[in-house]
Amino acid sequence: MDTQYKKNNIHGRLQNAKIHRSRWNARMRGFTLIEALIVLAIFAVTMLLATNAFMIVTKNQSRFNAFQSVDEDARYALTFLTRRIQFTTIDYDFYTQQGFDLDIQPQHILALQNERQETEIFRKSGGVDQWDGGGAALELCIIKQLVTCQNANDWEKITPSDVRLNALEFFIAPTTSPWARVPGIPNIQPRVTIVYATEDTDREATLITQTTAVSRFYER
């Protein structure tokens, strides 16, 4: 009987051990699943944050590149215009012949007379009006022997295709030629204030700049 009791006792202990082991394994499986879910959640959040950070950096880089392109174009165009104004003079005869009233400011074209007595004309790219173009680029045409600036092929684009010119305005002073041989003419050097507004084609960057250039041409 003692032997049977011992067998039953041992069997009971084994059963209890199996039950405890089963419960422990189940508990461990539960912890493993929870941990896996936590890890997945952390991974998902990390990936989301990394993706957002990448998109922000990419967008900021795109904006920076766009602004840099617009800024470089504006500086190039204004430097080009400034130098042409400095080494030429205002072609007052052109404005008179074409019926422009310089007392009305701003003007949308700039007419300069160079050292070869040629007329250099700057405008926005061609539109309905020959002189006041409605396009989005800065153009130059030089009136000379066989060039009248009547045709689109006479004009040369100065600004690149990835930059859009929104506004081009010229404030010319004085409004009458200081070289005219009539009394009462202002004795000042011709000067031009340029307002230049531009943006990239994706409209991520916009820039408005202004500068004033004085003609170095002197005639008395």
N, C-alpha and C. Protein backbone atom coordinates (compact mmCIF):
# COMPACT_ATOMS: atom_id res chain seq x y z
N MET A 1 0.83 -1.20 0.00
CA MET A 1 0.00 0.00 0.00
C MET A 1 0.86 1.24 0.00
N ASP A 2 1.96 1.19 0.79
CA ASP A 2 2.87 2.33 0.79
C ASP A 2 3.47 2.54 -0.59
N THR A 3 3.75 1.42 -1.21
CA THR A 3 4.32 1.53 -2.56
C THR A 3 3.34 2.18 -3.52
N GLN A 4 2.07 1.77 -3.42
CA GLN A 4 1.04 2.35 -4.28
C GLN A 4 0.86 3.83 -3.99
N TYR A 5 0.93 4.20 -2.72
CA TYR A 5 0.77 5.60 -2.33
C TYR A 5 1.90 6.43 -2.91
N LYS A 6 3.11 5.87 -2.82
CA LYS A 6 4.26 6.60 -3.35
C LYS A 6 4.13 6.79 -4.86
N LYS A 7 3.65 5.72 -5.52
CA LYS A 7 3.47 5.85 -6.98
C LYS A 7 2.46 6.94 -7.31
N ASN A 8 1.33 6.92 -6.56
CA ASN A 8 0.30 7.95 -6.81
C ASN A 8 0.83 9.35 -6.53
N ASN A 9 1.62 9.46 -5.46
CA ASN A 9 2.18 10.77 -5.09
C ASN A 9 3.13 11.27 -6.17
N ILE A 10 3.97 10.36 -6.63
CA ILE A 10 4.91 10.74 -7.70
C ILE A 10 4.16 11.13 -8.97
N HIS A 11 3.12 10.35 -9.27
CA HIS A 11 2.33 10.64 -10.47
C HIS A 11 1.65 12.00 -10.35
N GLY A 12 1.16 12.31 -9.16
CA GLY A 12 0.50 13.60 -8.95
C GLY A 12 1.46 14.75 -9.11
N ARG A 13 2.66 14.55 -8.57
CA ARG A 13 3.65 15.61 -8.71
C ARG A 13 4.04 15.84 -10.17
N LEU A 14 4.16 14.72 -10.88
CA LEU A 14 4.48 14.86 -12.31
C LEU A 14 3.38 15.60 -13.06
N GLN A 15 2.14 15.29 -12.72
CA GLN A 15 1.02 15.97 -13.36
C GLN A 15 1.03 17.46 -13.05
N ASN A 16 1.27 17.78 -11.75
CA ASN A 16 1.35 19.20 -11.37
C ASN A 16 2.48 19.92 -12.10
N ALA A 17 3.61 19.21 -12.22
CA ALA A 17 4.76 19.82 -12.92
C ALA A 17 4.41 20.08 -14.38
N LYS A 18 3.71 19.12 -15.00
CA LYS A 18 3.31 19.31 -16.40
C LYS A 18 2.36 20.50 -16.55
N ILE A 19 1.43 20.59 -15.57
CA ILE A 19 0.46 21.70 -15.62
C ILE A 19 1.18 23.04 -15.48
N HIS A 20 2.11 23.12 -14.49
CA HIS A 20 2.86 24.36 -14.29
C HIS A 20 3.71 24.71 -15.53
N ARG A 21 4.32 23.64 -16.09
CA ARG A 21 5.14 23.87 -17.28
C ARG A 21 4.30 24.37 -18.44
N SER A 22 3.12 23.78 -18.60
CA SER A 22 2.22 24.20 -19.67
C SER A 22 1.79 25.65 -19.50
N ARG A 23 1.45 25.98 -18.24
CA ARG A 23 1.06 27.38 -17.98
C ARG A 23 2.23 28.34 -18.23
N TRP A 24 3.42 27.92 -17.83
CA TRP A 24 4.61 28.76 -18.03
C TRP A 24 4.90 28.97 -19.53
N ASN A 25 4.79 27.87 -20.28
CA ASN A 25 5.01 27.99 -21.72
C ASN A 25 3.99 28.90 -22.38
N ALA A 26 2.72 28.76 -21.93
CA ALA A 26 1.67 29.62 -22.48
C ALA A 26 1.95 31.08 -22.16
N ARG A 27 2.40 31.30 -20.88
CA ARG A 27 2.70 32.67 -20.47
C ARG A 27 3.87 33.23 -21.28
N MET A 28 4.88 32.39 -21.50
CA MET A 28 6.04 32.83 -22.28
C MET A 28 5.66 33.12 -23.72
N ARG A 29 4.76 32.27 -24.28
CA ARG A 29 4.30 32.54 -25.64
C ARG A 29 3.55 33.86 -25.71
N GLY A 30 2.77 34.14 -24.65
CA GLY A 30 2.05 35.40 -24.60
C GLY A 30 2.99 36.59 -24.56
N PHE A 31 4.02 36.51 -23.73
CA PHE A 31 5.00 37.59 -23.65
C PHE A 31 5.72 37.77 -24.98
N THR A 32 6.05 36.67 -25.62
CA THR A 32 6.74 36.75 -26.91
C THR A 32 5.88 37.45 -27.96
N LEU A 33 4.59 37.17 -27.99
CA LEU A 33 3.69 37.81 -28.94
C LEU A 33 3.58 39.31 -28.66
N ILE A 34 3.44 39.66 -27.37
CA ILE A 34 3.35 41.08 -27.01
C ILE A 34 4.63 41.81 -27.39
N GLU A 35 5.76 41.18 -27.08
CA GLU A 35 7.03 41.79 -27.43
C GLU A 35 7.16 41.98 -28.94
N ALA A 36 6.72 40.97 -29.69
CA ALA A 36 6.79 41.07 -31.15
C ALA A 36 5.93 42.22 -31.65
N LEU A 37 4.74 42.37 -31.07
CA LEU A 37 3.87 43.48 -31.47
C LEU A 37 4.50 44.82 -31.13
N ILE A 38 5.12 44.90 -29.95
CA ILE A 38 5.78 46.15 -29.55
C ILE A 38 6.92 46.49 -30.51
N VAL A 39 7.72 45.47 -30.84
CA VAL A 39 8.83 45.68 -31.77
C VAL A 39 8.33 46.15 -33.13
N LEU A 40 7.26 45.51 -33.60
CA LEU A 40 6.69 45.90 -34.89
C LEU A 40 6.17 47.33 -34.85
N ALA A 41 5.52 47.68 -33.73
CA ALA A 41 5.00 49.04 -33.59
C ALA A 41 6.13 50.06 -33.58
N ILE A 42 7.19 49.77 -32.83
CA ILE A 42 8.35 50.67 -32.79
C ILE A 42 8.98 50.80 -34.17
N PHE A 43 9.10 49.66 -34.86
CA PHE A 43 9.67 49.68 -36.21
C PHE A 43 8.82 50.52 -37.16
N ALA A 44 7.49 50.35 -37.07
CA ALA A 44 6.59 51.10 -37.95
C ALA A 44 6.70 52.60 -37.68
N VAL A 45 6.73 52.98 -36.40
CA VAL A 45 6.85 54.40 -36.05
C VAL A 45 8.19 54.96 -36.52
N THR A 46 9.24 54.18 -36.32
CA THR A 46 10.58 54.62 -36.76
C THR A 46 10.63 54.81 -38.27
N MET A 47 10.05 53.87 -39.01
CA MET A 47 10.02 53.99 -40.47
C MET A 47 9.21 55.20 -40.91
N LEU A 48 8.09 55.44 -40.23
CA LEU A 48 7.25 56.59 -40.56
C LEU A 48 8.00 57.89 -40.32
N LEU A 49 8.68 57.98 -39.17
CA LEU A 49 9.45 59.19 -38.86
C LEU A 49 10.59 59.37 -39.86
N ALA A 50 11.25 58.27 -40.19
CA ALA A 50 12.36 58.35 -41.15
C ALA A 50 11.87 58.78 -42.53
N THR A 51 10.70 58.24 -42.94
CA THR A 51 10.13 58.61 -44.24
C THR A 51 9.75 60.08 -44.26
N ASN A 52 9.11 60.54 -43.18
CA ASN A 52 8.73 61.96 -43.10
C ASN A 52 9.96 62.86 -43.12
N ALA A 53 10.98 62.45 -42.38
CA ALA A 53 12.22 63.24 -42.36
C ALA A 53 12.85 63.30 -43.74
N PHE A 54 12.84 62.16 -44.43
CA PHE A 54 13.41 62.12 -45.78
C PHE A 54 12.63 63.02 -46.73
N MET A 55 11.30 62.98 -46.63
CA MET A 55 10.47 63.81 -47.50
C MET A 55 10.68 65.29 -47.22
N ILE A 56 10.81 65.64 -45.93
CA ILE A 56 11.05 67.04 -45.58
C ILE A 56 12.39 67.52 -46.11
N VAL A 57 13.42 66.68 -45.92
CA VAL A 57 14.75 67.04 -46.42
C VAL A 57 14.75 67.17 -47.93
N THR A 58 14.08 66.23 -48.61
CA THR A 58 14.01 66.27 -50.07
C THR A 58 13.28 67.52 -50.56
N LYS A 59 12.16 67.85 -49.89
CA LYS A 59 11.40 69.03 -50.28
C LYS A 59 12.19 70.30 -50.04
N ASN A 60 12.86 70.37 -48.88
CA ASN A 60 13.68 71.54 -48.59
C ASN A 60 14.84 71.66 -49.57
N GLN A 61 15.42 70.53 -49.94
CA GLN A 61 16.51 70.56 -50.91
C GLN A 61 16.00 71.03 -52.27
N SER A 62 14.80 70.57 -52.64
CA SER A 62 14.21 71.00 -53.90
C SER A 62 13.95 72.51 -53.89
N ARG A 63 13.43 73.01 -52.77
CA ARG A 63 13.19 74.45 -52.66
C ARG A 63 14.49 75.24 -52.71
N PHE A 64 15.50 74.72 -52.03
CA PHE A 64 16.80 75.39 -52.03
C PHE A 64 17.37 75.45 -53.44
N ASN A 65 17.30 74.33 -54.17
CA ASN A 65 17.80 74.30 -55.54
C ASN A 65 17.02 75.26 -56.42
N ALA A 66 15.69 75.31 -56.22
CA ALA A 66 14.86 76.22 -57.01
C ALA A 66 15.22 77.67 -56.72
N PHE A 67 15.38 78.00 -55.44
CA PHE A 67 15.74 79.38 -55.08
C PHE A 67 17.11 79.73 -55.61
N GLN A 68 18.04 78.78 -55.54
CA GLN A 68 19.38 79.04 -56.05
C GLN A 68 19.35 79.31 -57.55
N SER A 69 18.55 78.54 -58.27
CA SER A 69 18.42 78.75 -59.72
C SER A 69 17.82 80.12 -60.03
N VAL A 70 16.76 80.48 -59.29
CA VAL A 70 16.11 81.77 -59.50
C VAL A 70 17.06 82.91 -59.14
N ASP A 71 17.78 82.76 -58.03
CA ASP A 71 18.71 83.80 -57.59
C ASP A 71 19.83 83.99 -58.60
N GLU A 72 20.39 82.89 -59.10
CA GLU A 72 21.47 82.98 -60.08
C GLU A 72 20.99 83.66 -61.36
N ASP A 73 19.77 83.32 -61.79
CA ASP A 73 19.22 83.94 -62.99
C ASP A 73 19.04 85.44 -62.79
N ALA A 74 18.47 85.82 -61.65
CA ALA A 74 18.23 87.25 -61.39
C ALA A 74 19.54 88.02 -61.35
N ARG A 75 20.55 87.47 -60.68
CA ARG A 75 21.84 88.16 -60.60
C ARG A 75 22.49 88.28 -61.98
N TYR A 76 22.38 87.21 -62.77
CA TYR A 76 22.96 87.27 -64.12
C TYR A 76 22.25 88.31 -64.98
N ALA A 77 20.91 88.27 -64.95
CA ALA A 77 20.14 89.20 -65.79
C ALA A 77 20.38 90.65 -65.38
N LEU A 78 20.37 90.93 -64.08
CA LEU A 78 20.56 92.30 -63.62
C LEU A 78 21.99 92.77 -63.88
N THR A 79 22.95 91.88 -63.73
CA THR A 79 24.34 92.25 -64.04
C THR A 79 24.49 92.56 -65.52
N PHE A 80 23.87 91.75 -66.37
CA PHE A 80 23.92 91.97 -67.81
C PHE A 80 23.28 93.30 -68.17
N LEU A 81 22.09 93.57 -67.63
CA LEU A 81 21.40 94.82 -67.91
C LEU A 81 22.19 96.02 -67.39
N THR A 82 22.72 95.89 -66.19
CA THR A 82 23.48 96.99 -65.59
C THR A 82 24.69 97.36 -66.44
N ARG A 83 25.40 96.38 -66.91
CA ARG A 83 26.59 96.66 -67.73
C ARG A 83 26.21 97.30 -69.05
N ARG A 84 25.11 96.85 -69.64
CA ARG A 84 24.70 97.46 -70.90
C ARG A 84 24.28 98.91 -70.69
N ILE A 85 23.61 99.20 -69.58
CA ILE A 85 23.22 100.58 -69.29
C ILE A 85 24.45 101.44 -69.06
N GLN A 86 25.43 100.92 -68.33
CA GLN A 86 26.63 101.69 -68.01
C GLN A 86 27.43 102.07 -69.25
N PHE A 87 27.49 101.19 -70.24
CA PHE A 87 28.34 101.42 -71.40
C PHE A 87 27.56 101.89 -72.63
N THR A 88 26.32 102.27 -72.44
CA THR A 88 25.50 102.83 -73.52
C THR A 88 24.77 104.05 -72.96
N THR A 89 23.78 104.52 -73.70
CA THR A 89 22.93 105.58 -73.19
C THR A 89 21.49 105.29 -73.59
N ILE A 90 20.57 105.97 -72.94
CA ILE A 90 19.15 105.76 -73.27
C ILE A 90 18.89 106.25 -74.69
N ASP A 91 18.20 105.45 -75.48
CA ASP A 91 17.85 105.85 -76.85
C ASP A 91 16.52 106.60 -76.80
N TYR A 92 16.59 107.89 -76.48
CA TYR A 92 15.38 108.70 -76.37
C TYR A 92 14.66 108.82 -77.70
N ASP A 93 15.43 108.84 -78.81
CA ASP A 93 14.80 108.96 -80.13
C ASP A 93 13.90 107.75 -80.41
N PHE A 94 14.32 106.57 -80.00
CA PHE A 94 13.50 105.38 -80.22
C PHE A 94 12.16 105.52 -79.51
N TYR A 95 12.17 105.93 -78.27
CA TYR A 95 10.92 106.08 -77.52
C TYR A 95 10.00 107.09 -78.19
N THR A 96 10.59 108.18 -78.68
CA THR A 96 9.78 109.21 -79.35
C THR A 96 9.19 108.67 -80.65
N GLN A 97 10.01 108.00 -81.45
CA GLN A 97 9.55 107.49 -82.74
C GLN A 97 8.47 106.41 -82.58
N GLN A 98 8.55 105.63 -81.53
CA GLN A 98 7.58 104.56 -81.31
C GLN A 98 6.36 105.01 -80.52
N GLY A 99 6.33 106.28 -80.15
CA GLY A 99 5.16 106.82 -79.47
C GLY A 99 5.10 106.54 -77.98
N PHE A 100 6.22 106.24 -77.36
CA PHE A 100 6.25 106.00 -75.91
C PHE A 100 6.35 107.32 -75.16
N ASP A 101 5.61 107.45 -74.09
CA ASP A 101 5.67 108.62 -73.23
C ASP A 101 6.45 108.26 -71.97
N LEU A 102 7.67 108.76 -71.88
CA LEU A 102 8.51 108.41 -70.73
C LEU A 102 8.05 109.07 -69.44
N ASP A 103 7.13 110.02 -69.54
CA ASP A 103 6.56 110.58 -68.32
C ASP A 103 5.65 109.57 -67.62
N ILE A 104 5.25 108.54 -68.36
CA ILE A 104 4.44 107.46 -67.77
C ILE A 104 5.40 106.33 -67.37
N GLN A 105 5.51 106.13 -66.08
CA GLN A 105 6.43 105.12 -65.57
C GLN A 105 5.65 104.05 -64.79
N PRO A 106 6.08 102.78 -64.81
CA PRO A 106 7.31 102.30 -65.46
C PRO A 106 7.08 101.98 -66.93
N GLN A 107 8.20 101.85 -67.65
CA GLN A 107 8.19 101.34 -69.02
C GLN A 107 8.47 99.84 -68.97
N HIS A 108 7.99 99.14 -69.99
CA HIS A 108 8.18 97.68 -70.01
C HIS A 108 9.20 97.23 -71.05
N ILE A 109 9.81 98.20 -71.72
CA ILE A 109 10.95 97.89 -72.58
C ILE A 109 12.05 98.89 -72.26
N LEU A 110 13.27 98.47 -72.54
CA LEU A 110 14.42 99.35 -72.35
C LEU A 110 15.15 99.47 -73.68
N ALA A 111 15.28 100.69 -74.18
CA ALA A 111 15.96 100.94 -75.45
C ALA A 111 17.25 101.71 -75.16
N LEU A 112 18.37 101.12 -75.58
CA LEU A 112 19.68 101.72 -75.36
C LEU A 112 20.37 101.92 -76.70
N GLN A 113 21.20 102.96 -76.78
CA GLN A 113 21.99 103.19 -77.99
C GLN A 113 23.45 102.90 -77.67
N ASN A 114 24.03 101.93 -78.40
CA ASN A 114 25.41 101.54 -78.12
C ASN A 114 26.40 102.39 -78.90
N GLU A 115 27.69 102.05 -78.75
CA GLU A 115 28.76 102.84 -79.37
C GLU A 115 28.73 102.77 -80.89
N ARG A 116 28.04 101.78 -81.46
CA ARG A 116 27.93 101.67 -82.93
C ARG A 116 26.65 102.33 -83.44
N GLN A 117 26.00 103.10 -82.60
CA GLN A 117 24.75 103.78 -82.93
C GLN A 117 23.63 102.79 -83.25
N GLU A 118 23.71 101.61 -82.67
CA GLU A 118 22.65 100.61 -82.80
C GLU A 118 21.75 100.68 -81.57
N THR A 119 20.48 100.31 -81.77
CA THR A 119 19.53 100.32 -80.67
C THR A 119 19.38 98.91 -80.10
N GLU A 120 19.70 98.78 -78.82
CA GLU A 120 19.53 97.52 -78.11
C GLU A 120 18.23 97.59 -77.32
N ILE A 121 17.35 96.60 -77.55
CA ILE A 121 16.04 96.62 -76.91
C ILE A 121 15.89 95.38 -76.02
N PHE A 122 15.49 95.62 -74.78
CA PHE A 122 15.22 94.54 -73.84
C PHE A 122 13.72 94.53 -73.53
N ARG A 123 13.15 93.33 -73.45
CA ARG A 123 11.72 93.20 -73.16
C ARG A 123 11.45 91.79 -72.61
N LYS A 124 10.21 91.58 -72.14
CA LYS A 124 9.75 90.22 -71.89
C LYS A 124 9.49 89.57 -73.23
N SER A 125 9.62 88.25 -73.28
CA SER A 125 9.48 87.54 -74.55
C SER A 125 8.15 87.83 -75.21
N GLY A 126 8.13 87.66 -76.54
CA GLY A 126 7.06 88.14 -77.39
C GLY A 126 5.65 87.76 -77.01
N GLY A 127 4.79 88.70 -77.14
CA GLY A 127 3.37 88.50 -76.92
C GLY A 127 2.60 89.13 -78.06
N VAL A 128 1.44 89.67 -77.76
CA VAL A 128 0.63 90.32 -78.78
C VAL A 128 1.29 91.61 -79.24
N ASP A 129 1.79 92.39 -78.27
CA ASP A 129 2.44 93.65 -78.58
C ASP A 129 3.90 93.39 -78.93
N GLN A 130 4.37 94.01 -80.00
CA GLN A 130 5.73 93.78 -80.45
C GLN A 130 6.76 94.16 -79.39
N TRP A 131 6.54 95.29 -78.74
CA TRP A 131 7.54 95.78 -77.80
C TRP A 131 7.26 95.33 -76.37
N ASP A 132 6.02 95.23 -76.01
CA ASP A 132 5.67 94.84 -74.65
C ASP A 132 5.23 93.38 -74.65
N GLY A 133 6.19 92.48 -74.65
CA GLY A 133 5.88 91.06 -74.76
C GLY A 133 5.14 90.53 -73.55
N GLY A 134 4.36 89.49 -73.76
CA GLY A 134 3.59 88.90 -72.67
C GLY A 134 4.13 87.56 -72.22
N GLY A 135 5.36 87.25 -72.64
CA GLY A 135 5.93 85.95 -72.31
C GLY A 135 6.58 85.92 -70.95
N ALA A 136 7.47 84.95 -70.75
CA ALA A 136 8.06 84.72 -69.43
C ALA A 136 9.58 84.64 -69.47
N ALA A 137 10.20 85.31 -70.45
CA ALA A 137 11.66 85.29 -70.55
C ALA A 137 12.15 86.69 -70.90
N LEU A 138 13.38 86.98 -70.52
CA LEU A 138 14.02 88.25 -70.90
C LEU A 138 14.65 88.08 -72.27
N GLU A 139 14.34 89.02 -73.17
CA GLU A 139 14.85 88.94 -74.54
C GLU A 139 15.59 90.21 -74.93
N LEU A 140 16.49 90.05 -75.88
CA LEU A 140 17.26 91.17 -76.42
C LEU A 140 17.21 91.14 -77.94
N CYS A 141 17.02 92.32 -78.52
CA CYS A 141 17.11 92.48 -79.97
C CYS A 141 17.92 93.74 -80.26
N ILE A 142 18.79 93.67 -81.25
CA ILE A 142 19.60 94.82 -81.64
C ILE A 142 19.18 95.26 -83.03
N ILE A 143 18.65 96.47 -83.13
CA ILE A 143 18.24 97.01 -84.42
C ILE A 143 19.49 97.46 -85.18
N LYS A 144 19.70 96.86 -86.33
CA LYS A 144 20.84 97.24 -87.17
C LYS A 144 20.44 97.06 -88.63
N GLN A 145 21.37 96.92 -89.51
CA GLN A 145 21.13 97.02 -90.94
C GLN A 145 19.97 96.17 -91.44
N LEU A 146 19.97 94.87 -91.17
CA LEU A 146 18.92 93.98 -91.69
C LEU A 146 18.02 93.44 -90.58
N VAL A 147 18.16 93.97 -89.41
CA VAL A 147 17.37 93.51 -88.27
C VAL A 147 16.48 94.65 -87.79
N THR A 148 15.17 94.41 -87.83
CA THR A 148 14.22 95.45 -87.42
C THR A 148 13.48 95.09 -86.13
N CYS A 149 13.72 93.90 -85.62
CA CYS A 149 13.04 93.40 -84.42
C CYS A 149 11.54 93.21 -84.66
N GLN A 150 11.16 93.07 -85.91
CA GLN A 150 9.76 92.82 -86.26
C GLN A 150 9.43 91.33 -86.20
N ASN A 151 10.44 90.49 -86.32
CA ASN A 151 10.23 89.04 -86.35
C ASN A 151 10.70 88.40 -85.05
N ALA A 152 10.07 87.28 -84.72
CA ALA A 152 10.43 86.57 -83.49
C ALA A 152 11.88 86.09 -83.52
N ASN A 153 12.38 85.77 -84.72
CA ASN A 153 13.75 85.27 -84.84
C ASN A 153 14.79 86.36 -84.58
N ASP A 154 14.36 87.61 -84.56
CA ASP A 154 15.29 88.70 -84.29
C ASP A 154 15.66 88.79 -82.82
N TRP A 155 14.88 88.12 -81.98
CA TRP A 155 15.05 88.24 -80.53
C TRP A 155 15.82 87.05 -79.97
N GLU A 156 16.68 87.35 -79.02
CA GLU A 156 17.48 86.31 -78.36
C GLU A 156 17.12 86.25 -76.88
N LYS A 157 16.80 85.05 -76.41
CA LYS A 157 16.46 84.87 -75.00
C LYS A 157 17.73 84.91 -74.14
N ILE A 158 17.62 85.61 -73.03
CA ILE A 158 18.74 85.74 -72.10
C ILE A 158 18.56 84.83 -70.89
N THR A 159 17.32 84.65 -70.47
CA THR A 159 17.05 83.84 -69.28
C THR A 159 16.88 82.37 -69.66
N PRO A 160 17.20 81.43 -68.76
CA PRO A 160 17.07 80.00 -69.05
C PRO A 160 15.62 79.54 -69.05
N SER A 161 15.40 78.34 -69.58
CA SER A 161 14.03 77.83 -69.72
C SER A 161 13.41 77.39 -68.40
N ASP A 162 14.23 77.10 -67.38
CA ASP A 162 13.68 76.63 -66.11
C ASP A 162 13.32 77.77 -65.16
N VAL A 163 13.42 79.00 -65.64
CA VAL A 163 13.07 80.17 -64.83
C VAL A 163 12.03 80.99 -65.57
N ARG A 164 11.04 81.46 -64.83
CA ARG A 164 9.93 82.20 -65.41
C ARG A 164 10.01 83.67 -64.98
N LEU A 165 10.01 84.58 -65.94
CA LEU A 165 10.03 86.01 -65.66
C LEU A 165 8.60 86.52 -65.49
N ASN A 166 8.27 86.96 -64.27
CA ASN A 166 6.91 87.42 -63.98
C ASN A 166 6.72 88.90 -64.26
N ALA A 167 7.73 89.70 -63.98
CA ALA A 167 7.59 91.15 -64.15
C ALA A 167 8.93 91.75 -64.54
N LEU A 168 8.87 92.72 -65.43
CA LEU A 168 10.07 93.45 -65.86
C LEU A 168 9.66 94.91 -66.06
N GLU A 169 10.18 95.78 -65.20
CA GLU A 169 9.80 97.20 -65.24
C GLU A 169 11.05 98.06 -65.24
N PHE A 170 10.98 99.15 -66.03
CA PHE A 170 12.09 100.09 -66.13
C PHE A 170 11.60 101.49 -65.77
N PHE A 171 12.26 102.10 -64.79
CA PHE A 171 11.98 103.48 -64.42
C PHE A 171 13.15 104.32 -64.94
N ILE A 172 12.89 105.12 -65.96
CA ILE A 172 13.94 105.84 -66.68
C ILE A 172 13.95 107.30 -66.25
N ALA A 173 15.14 107.81 -65.95
CA ALA A 173 15.30 109.22 -65.58
C ALA A 173 16.61 109.74 -66.17
N PRO A 174 16.60 110.98 -66.68
CA PRO A 174 15.42 111.84 -66.83
C PRO A 174 14.54 111.34 -67.97
N THR A 175 13.36 111.89 -68.07
CA THR A 175 12.42 111.44 -69.09
C THR A 175 12.65 112.13 -70.43
N THR A 176 13.53 113.11 -70.46
CA THR A 176 13.93 113.74 -71.72
C THR A 176 15.45 113.69 -71.81
N SER A 177 15.96 113.68 -73.03
CA SER A 177 17.39 113.51 -73.24
C SER A 177 18.19 114.69 -72.69
N PRO A 178 19.19 114.43 -71.86
CA PRO A 178 20.03 115.52 -71.37
C PRO A 178 21.00 116.03 -72.43
N TRP A 179 21.05 115.33 -73.59
CA TRP A 179 21.96 115.73 -74.66
C TRP A 179 21.28 116.63 -75.69
N ALA A 180 19.99 116.85 -75.55
CA ALA A 180 19.27 117.69 -76.52
C ALA A 180 19.75 119.14 -76.40
N ARG A 181 19.87 119.81 -77.56
CA ARG A 181 20.37 121.19 -77.59
C ARG A 181 19.22 122.18 -77.43
N VAL A 182 18.52 122.06 -76.35
CA VAL A 182 17.42 122.99 -76.07
C VAL A 182 17.53 123.42 -74.62
N PRO A 183 17.06 124.65 -74.32
CA PRO A 183 17.16 125.13 -72.93
C PRO A 183 16.20 124.37 -72.01
N GLY A 184 16.57 124.34 -70.74
CA GLY A 184 15.70 123.72 -69.74
C GLY A 184 15.85 122.22 -69.62
N ILE A 185 16.81 121.64 -70.32
CA ILE A 185 17.01 120.19 -70.26
C ILE A 185 17.75 119.84 -68.96
N PRO A 186 17.33 118.82 -68.24
CA PRO A 186 18.00 118.45 -66.99
C PRO A 186 19.44 118.02 -67.22
N ASN A 187 20.34 118.55 -66.40
CA ASN A 187 21.76 118.27 -66.55
C ASN A 187 22.16 117.12 -65.61
N ILE A 188 21.64 115.94 -65.86
CA ILE A 188 21.95 114.77 -65.04
C ILE A 188 22.22 113.57 -65.94
N GLN A 189 22.99 112.65 -65.42
CA GLN A 189 23.28 111.44 -66.16
C GLN A 189 22.04 110.54 -66.22
N PRO A 190 21.75 109.97 -67.38
CA PRO A 190 20.62 109.03 -67.48
C PRO A 190 20.82 107.84 -66.55
N ARG A 191 19.75 107.41 -65.92
CA ARG A 191 19.79 106.25 -65.03
C ARG A 191 18.52 105.44 -65.20
N VAL A 192 18.62 104.17 -64.90
CA VAL A 192 17.48 103.27 -65.03
C VAL A 192 17.37 102.43 -63.76
N THR A 193 16.18 102.43 -63.17
CA THR A 193 15.88 101.52 -62.06
C THR A 193 15.11 100.33 -62.61
N ILE A 194 15.61 99.15 -62.33
CA ILE A 194 15.03 97.92 -62.87
C ILE A 194 14.35 97.14 -61.75
N VAL A 195 13.11 96.74 -62.00
CA VAL A 195 12.40 95.83 -61.10
C VAL A 195 12.25 94.51 -61.84
N TYR A 196 12.75 93.46 -61.22
CA TYR A 196 12.84 92.15 -61.89
C TYR A 196 12.25 91.10 -60.97
N ALA A 197 11.13 90.50 -61.38
CA ALA A 197 10.45 89.48 -60.57
C ALA A 197 10.47 88.16 -61.33
N THR A 198 10.93 87.12 -60.67
CA THR A 198 11.09 85.84 -61.36
C THR A 198 10.79 84.68 -60.41
N GLU A 199 10.50 83.51 -60.98
CA GLU A 199 10.25 82.30 -60.20
C GLU A 199 10.64 81.09 -61.03
N ASP A 200 10.82 79.95 -60.36
CA ASP A 200 11.11 78.73 -61.10
C ASP A 200 9.82 78.19 -61.71
N THR A 201 9.95 77.29 -62.67
CA THR A 201 8.78 76.80 -63.39
C THR A 201 7.84 75.98 -62.51
N ASP A 202 8.37 75.40 -61.42
CA ASP A 202 7.52 74.65 -60.49
C ASP A 202 6.91 75.54 -59.41
N ARG A 203 7.26 76.82 -59.45
CA ARG A 203 6.74 77.81 -58.50
C ARG A 203 7.05 77.47 -57.05
N GLU A 204 8.25 76.97 -56.83
CA GLU A 204 8.70 76.69 -55.47
C GLU A 204 9.47 77.86 -54.88
N ALA A 205 9.99 78.73 -55.75
CA ALA A 205 10.78 79.87 -55.28
C ALA A 205 10.45 81.09 -56.12
N THR A 206 10.22 82.21 -55.45
CA THR A 206 9.91 83.48 -56.10
C THR A 206 10.87 84.54 -55.58
N LEU A 207 11.33 85.40 -56.48
CA LEU A 207 12.29 86.43 -56.09
C LEU A 207 11.96 87.73 -56.82
N ILE A 208 11.92 88.82 -56.06
CA ILE A 208 11.74 90.16 -56.63
C ILE A 208 12.96 90.99 -56.26
N THR A 209 13.65 91.49 -57.27
CA THR A 209 14.86 92.28 -57.03
C THR A 209 14.76 93.62 -57.74
N GLN A 210 15.56 94.56 -57.25
CA GLN A 210 15.57 95.91 -57.83
C GLN A 210 16.98 96.45 -57.78
N THR A 211 17.36 97.14 -58.83
CA THR A 211 18.67 97.79 -58.87
C THR A 211 18.60 99.02 -59.75
N THR A 212 19.54 99.92 -59.56
CA THR A 212 19.62 101.14 -60.36
C THR A 212 21.00 101.21 -61.00
N ALA A 213 21.02 101.50 -62.30
CA ALA A 213 22.28 101.62 -63.03
C ALA A 213 22.34 102.99 -63.69
N VAL A 214 23.54 103.58 -63.70
CA VAL A 214 23.74 104.91 -64.26
C VAL A 214 24.61 104.79 -65.51
N SER A 215 24.21 105.47 -66.57
CA SER A 215 24.99 105.46 -67.80
C SER A 215 26.28 106.24 -67.60
N ARG A 216 27.39 105.68 -68.09
CA ARG A 216 28.68 106.36 -68.02
C ARG A 216 28.95 107.20 -69.26
N PHE A 217 28.03 107.13 -70.20
CA PHE A 217 28.18 107.92 -71.42
C PHE A 217 28.02 109.40 -71.07
N TYR A 218 28.91 110.22 -71.62
CA TYR A 218 28.86 111.65 -71.31
C TYR A 218 29.02 112.44 -72.60
N GLU A 219 28.10 113.36 -72.83
CA GLU A 219 28.15 114.20 -74.03
C GLU A 219 27.67 115.60 -73.66
N ARG A 220 28.50 116.58 -73.90
CA ARG A 220 28.12 117.97 -73.63
C ARG A 220 28.54 118.86 -74.80
